[in-house]
Amino acid sequence: MELGRVRGSVWCTKKSGEMAGCKLLLVEGWDPLAQSSGGKLRVCADVIGAGVGEGVLVVTGTAARRAIGAERAPVDAAVVAIVDGLEV
């Protein structure tokens, strides 16, 4: 899992059938210890309804496909949680 911050949404007029109903978000890497965002932007399937500016947990690979409930979906990353707080 990785921490990220939602930066926006991605719209597609046509998607693979396995992705029907999936909202897509643009997520940027987030380092809460440095209190900064930065790094690579990634398109993630959203299974929980996260919004722009929220901190989120992102899973990749097989975990992402399982999160959206479609093992054969062409999904590489999914938002699976909204971060309410951190303690270090």
N, C-alpha and C. Protein backbone atom coordinates (compact mmCIF):
# COMPACT_ATOMS: atom_id res chain seq x y z
N MET A 1 0.84 -1.18 0.00
CA MET A 1 0.00 0.00 0.00
C MET A 1 0.88 1.23 0.00
N GLU A 2 0.35 2.27 -0.60
CA GLU A 2 1.05 3.55 -0.66
C GLU A 2 0.09 4.65 -0.27
N LEU A 3 0.64 5.74 0.26
CA LEU A 3 -0.18 6.91 0.56
C LEU A 3 -0.21 7.83 -0.65
N GLY A 4 -1.34 8.45 -0.87
CA GLY A 4 -1.48 9.38 -1.99
C GLY A 4 -2.46 10.48 -1.65
N ARG A 5 -2.51 11.49 -2.49
CA ARG A 5 -3.47 12.57 -2.35
C ARG A 5 -4.19 12.72 -3.68
N VAL A 6 -5.51 12.76 -3.63
CA VAL A 6 -6.32 12.86 -4.85
C VAL A 6 -6.16 14.27 -5.42
N ARG A 7 -5.79 14.34 -6.69
CA ARG A 7 -5.59 15.62 -7.37
C ARG A 7 -6.68 15.94 -8.38
N GLY A 8 -7.44 14.94 -8.81
CA GLY A 8 -8.49 15.20 -9.78
C GLY A 8 -9.16 13.92 -10.24
N SER A 9 -10.02 14.06 -11.23
CA SER A 9 -10.75 12.93 -11.80
C SER A 9 -10.34 12.72 -13.24
N VAL A 10 -10.55 11.52 -13.73
CA VAL A 10 -10.29 11.18 -15.12
C VAL A 10 -11.60 10.67 -15.71
N TRP A 11 -11.99 11.22 -16.86
CA TRP A 11 -13.21 10.79 -17.54
C TRP A 11 -12.84 10.05 -18.81
N CYS A 12 -13.55 8.97 -19.08
CA CYS A 12 -13.35 8.20 -20.30
C CYS A 12 -14.72 7.94 -20.93
N THR A 13 -14.84 8.21 -22.22
CA THR A 13 -16.13 7.98 -22.88
C THR A 13 -16.37 6.49 -23.10
N LYS A 14 -15.30 5.72 -23.23
CA LYS A 14 -15.42 4.27 -23.39
C LYS A 14 -14.38 3.60 -22.51
N LYS A 15 -14.80 2.52 -21.85
CA LYS A 15 -13.89 1.74 -21.01
C LYS A 15 -14.10 0.26 -21.27
N SER A 16 -13.15 -0.54 -20.84
CA SER A 16 -13.28 -1.98 -20.89
C SER A 16 -14.52 -2.39 -20.10
N GLY A 17 -15.22 -3.41 -20.54
CA GLY A 17 -16.44 -3.87 -19.90
C GLY A 17 -16.28 -4.20 -18.42
N GLU A 18 -15.11 -4.72 -18.04
CA GLU A 18 -14.86 -5.07 -16.64
C GLU A 18 -14.77 -3.84 -15.75
N MET A 19 -14.63 -2.66 -16.35
CA MET A 19 -14.48 -1.43 -15.58
C MET A 19 -15.77 -0.61 -15.55
N ALA A 20 -16.85 -1.17 -16.01
CA ALA A 20 -18.13 -0.45 -16.03
C ALA A 20 -18.48 0.00 -14.61
N GLY A 21 -18.80 1.26 -14.47
CA GLY A 21 -19.19 1.80 -13.17
C GLY A 21 -18.02 2.25 -12.30
N CYS A 22 -16.79 2.03 -12.74
CA CYS A 22 -15.62 2.44 -11.95
C CYS A 22 -15.32 3.93 -12.18
N LYS A 23 -15.23 4.68 -11.10
CA LYS A 23 -14.80 6.07 -11.15
C LYS A 23 -13.27 6.04 -11.17
N LEU A 24 -12.66 6.92 -11.94
CA LEU A 24 -11.20 6.99 -12.03
C LEU A 24 -10.70 8.30 -11.43
N LEU A 25 -9.67 8.20 -10.60
CA LEU A 25 -9.09 9.37 -9.95
C LEU A 25 -7.63 9.53 -10.33
N LEU A 26 -7.16 10.77 -10.32
CA LEU A 26 -5.75 11.08 -10.53
C LEU A 26 -5.14 11.28 -9.14
N VAL A 27 -4.20 10.42 -8.77
CA VAL A 27 -3.63 10.42 -7.41
C VAL A 27 -2.13 10.68 -7.49
N GLU A 28 -1.66 11.57 -6.61
CA GLU A 28 -0.24 11.93 -6.53
C GLU A 28 0.34 11.32 -5.26
N GLY A 29 1.60 10.86 -5.33
CA GLY A 29 2.27 10.33 -4.15
C GLY A 29 2.28 11.36 -3.02
N TRP A 30 2.21 10.88 -1.75
CA TRP A 30 2.10 11.78 -0.60
C TRP A 30 3.02 11.28 0.50
N ASP A 31 3.86 12.17 1.03
CA ASP A 31 4.75 11.85 2.15
C ASP A 31 4.31 12.69 3.35
N PRO A 32 3.53 12.11 4.27
CA PRO A 32 3.02 12.89 5.40
C PRO A 32 4.10 13.33 6.37
N LEU A 33 5.23 12.61 6.44
CA LEU A 33 6.31 13.02 7.34
C LEU A 33 6.97 14.30 6.86
N ALA A 34 7.11 14.43 5.54
CA ALA A 34 7.68 15.64 4.97
C ALA A 34 6.59 16.69 4.74
N GLN A 35 5.35 16.31 5.00
CA GLN A 35 4.18 17.18 4.78
C GLN A 35 4.17 17.74 3.36
N SER A 36 4.42 16.82 2.41
CA SER A 36 4.42 17.27 1.02
C SER A 36 3.88 16.19 0.10
N SER A 37 3.37 16.65 -1.01
CA SER A 37 2.98 15.77 -2.09
C SER A 37 4.03 15.91 -3.16
N GLY A 38 4.05 14.99 -4.03
CA GLY A 38 5.00 15.08 -5.13
C GLY A 38 5.18 13.73 -5.76
N GLY A 39 5.91 13.73 -6.81
CA GLY A 39 6.16 12.47 -7.47
C GLY A 39 5.17 12.18 -8.56
N LYS A 40 5.14 10.93 -8.91
CA LYS A 40 4.38 10.45 -10.05
C LYS A 40 2.87 10.53 -9.82
N LEU A 41 2.17 10.99 -10.84
CA LEU A 41 0.71 10.94 -10.83
C LEU A 41 0.29 9.57 -11.36
N ARG A 42 -0.76 9.02 -10.79
CA ARG A 42 -1.23 7.70 -11.19
C ARG A 42 -2.75 7.72 -11.30
N VAL A 43 -3.27 7.01 -12.29
CA VAL A 43 -4.72 6.87 -12.43
C VAL A 43 -5.14 5.65 -11.62
N CYS A 44 -6.12 5.84 -10.74
CA CYS A 44 -6.57 4.77 -9.85
C CYS A 44 -8.08 4.58 -9.96
N ALA A 45 -8.52 3.33 -9.91
CA ALA A 45 -9.94 3.04 -9.80
C ALA A 45 -10.34 3.37 -8.36
N ASP A 46 -11.48 4.03 -8.21
CA ASP A 46 -11.95 4.44 -6.88
C ASP A 46 -13.10 3.55 -6.45
N VAL A 47 -12.92 2.81 -5.36
CA VAL A 47 -13.98 1.92 -4.89
C VAL A 47 -14.67 2.44 -3.64
N ILE A 48 -14.25 3.62 -3.15
CA ILE A 48 -14.81 4.11 -1.89
C ILE A 48 -15.41 5.51 -1.95
N GLY A 49 -15.24 6.21 -3.05
CA GLY A 49 -15.82 7.55 -3.17
C GLY A 49 -14.96 8.66 -2.63
N ALA A 50 -13.65 8.59 -2.82
CA ALA A 50 -12.74 9.64 -2.36
C ALA A 50 -12.92 10.90 -3.20
N GLY A 51 -12.57 12.05 -2.61
CA GLY A 51 -12.70 13.32 -3.30
C GLY A 51 -11.38 14.04 -3.44
N VAL A 52 -11.37 15.07 -4.25
CA VAL A 52 -10.17 15.86 -4.52
C VAL A 52 -9.63 16.45 -3.21
N GLY A 53 -8.31 16.32 -3.01
CA GLY A 53 -7.64 16.86 -1.83
C GLY A 53 -7.52 15.88 -0.67
N GLU A 54 -8.23 14.76 -0.73
CA GLU A 54 -8.18 13.81 0.38
C GLU A 54 -6.95 12.92 0.30
N GLY A 55 -6.43 12.54 1.47
CA GLY A 55 -5.37 11.56 1.56
C GLY A 55 -5.99 10.18 1.44
N VAL A 56 -5.34 9.29 0.70
CA VAL A 56 -5.90 7.96 0.44
C VAL A 56 -4.82 6.89 0.51
N LEU A 57 -5.27 5.63 0.66
CA LEU A 57 -4.39 4.48 0.53
C LEU A 57 -4.63 3.87 -0.84
N VAL A 58 -3.55 3.55 -1.52
CA VAL A 58 -3.62 3.00 -2.87
C VAL A 58 -2.96 1.62 -2.87
N VAL A 59 -3.63 0.64 -3.47
CA VAL A 59 -3.04 -0.68 -3.67
C VAL A 59 -2.82 -0.87 -5.16
N THR A 60 -1.86 -1.75 -5.51
CA THR A 60 -1.53 -1.96 -6.91
C THR A 60 -1.56 -3.45 -7.24
N GLY A 61 -1.54 -3.73 -8.53
CA GLY A 61 -1.46 -5.10 -9.01
C GLY A 61 -2.71 -5.91 -8.72
N THR A 62 -2.52 -7.16 -8.32
CA THR A 62 -3.63 -8.07 -8.06
C THR A 62 -4.56 -7.53 -6.98
N ALA A 63 -3.99 -6.88 -5.97
CA ALA A 63 -4.83 -6.31 -4.89
C ALA A 63 -5.80 -5.27 -5.44
N ALA A 64 -5.38 -4.52 -6.45
CA ALA A 64 -6.25 -3.51 -7.05
C ALA A 64 -7.41 -4.18 -7.80
N ARG A 65 -7.12 -5.22 -8.53
CA ARG A 65 -8.18 -5.94 -9.25
C ARG A 65 -9.16 -6.58 -8.28
N ARG A 66 -8.66 -7.13 -7.20
CA ARG A 66 -9.54 -7.71 -6.18
C ARG A 66 -10.39 -6.63 -5.52
N ALA A 67 -9.82 -5.46 -5.31
CA ALA A 67 -10.56 -4.37 -4.66
C ALA A 67 -11.78 -3.95 -5.47
N ILE A 68 -11.67 -3.97 -6.80
CA ILE A 68 -12.83 -3.58 -7.60
C ILE A 68 -13.73 -4.78 -7.91
N GLY A 69 -13.31 -5.97 -7.48
CA GLY A 69 -14.15 -7.15 -7.64
C GLY A 69 -14.15 -7.76 -9.02
N ALA A 70 -13.08 -7.53 -9.77
CA ALA A 70 -12.99 -8.06 -11.14
C ALA A 70 -11.55 -8.49 -11.41
N GLU A 71 -11.29 -9.77 -11.22
CA GLU A 71 -9.93 -10.30 -11.38
C GLU A 71 -9.34 -10.08 -12.77
N ARG A 72 -10.20 -9.96 -13.78
CA ARG A 72 -9.71 -9.81 -15.15
C ARG A 72 -9.73 -8.36 -15.63
N ALA A 73 -10.06 -7.43 -14.76
CA ALA A 73 -10.12 -6.01 -15.15
C ALA A 73 -8.72 -5.47 -15.42
N PRO A 74 -8.57 -4.61 -16.40
CA PRO A 74 -7.26 -4.01 -16.70
C PRO A 74 -6.96 -2.84 -15.76
N VAL A 75 -6.88 -3.14 -14.48
CA VAL A 75 -6.65 -2.11 -13.46
C VAL A 75 -5.33 -2.40 -12.76
N ASP A 76 -4.51 -1.38 -12.60
CA ASP A 76 -3.21 -1.55 -11.95
C ASP A 76 -3.17 -0.89 -10.58
N ALA A 77 -4.10 0.03 -10.29
CA ALA A 77 -4.08 0.73 -8.99
C ALA A 77 -5.52 1.05 -8.58
N ALA A 78 -5.79 0.97 -7.27
CA ALA A 78 -7.12 1.28 -6.77
C ALA A 78 -7.01 1.99 -5.43
N VAL A 79 -7.90 2.96 -5.22
CA VAL A 79 -8.02 3.65 -3.94
C VAL A 79 -8.92 2.79 -3.06
N VAL A 80 -8.41 2.39 -1.88
CA VAL A 80 -9.16 1.49 -1.02
C VAL A 80 -9.50 2.07 0.34
N ALA A 81 -8.98 3.26 0.68
CA ALA A 81 -9.28 3.87 1.97
C ALA A 81 -9.00 5.37 1.92
N ILE A 82 -9.76 6.11 2.73
CA ILE A 82 -9.52 7.54 2.93
C ILE A 82 -8.82 7.69 4.26
N VAL A 83 -7.70 8.39 4.29
CA VAL A 83 -6.90 8.56 5.50
C VAL A 83 -7.53 9.67 6.37
N ASP A 84 -7.93 9.29 7.58
CA ASP A 84 -8.49 10.27 8.53
C ASP A 84 -7.41 10.90 9.39
N GLY A 85 -6.35 10.16 9.67
CA GLY A 85 -5.29 10.70 10.50
C GLY A 85 -4.10 9.77 10.52
N LEU A 86 -2.98 10.29 10.98
CA LEU A 86 -1.72 9.51 11.07
C LEU A 86 -1.09 9.76 12.44
N GLU A 87 -0.42 8.75 12.94
CA GLU A 87 0.34 8.91 14.17
C GLU A 87 1.70 8.24 13.97
N VAL A 88 2.77 8.99 14.22
CA VAL A 88 4.12 8.47 14.01
C VAL A 88 4.83 8.44 15.34
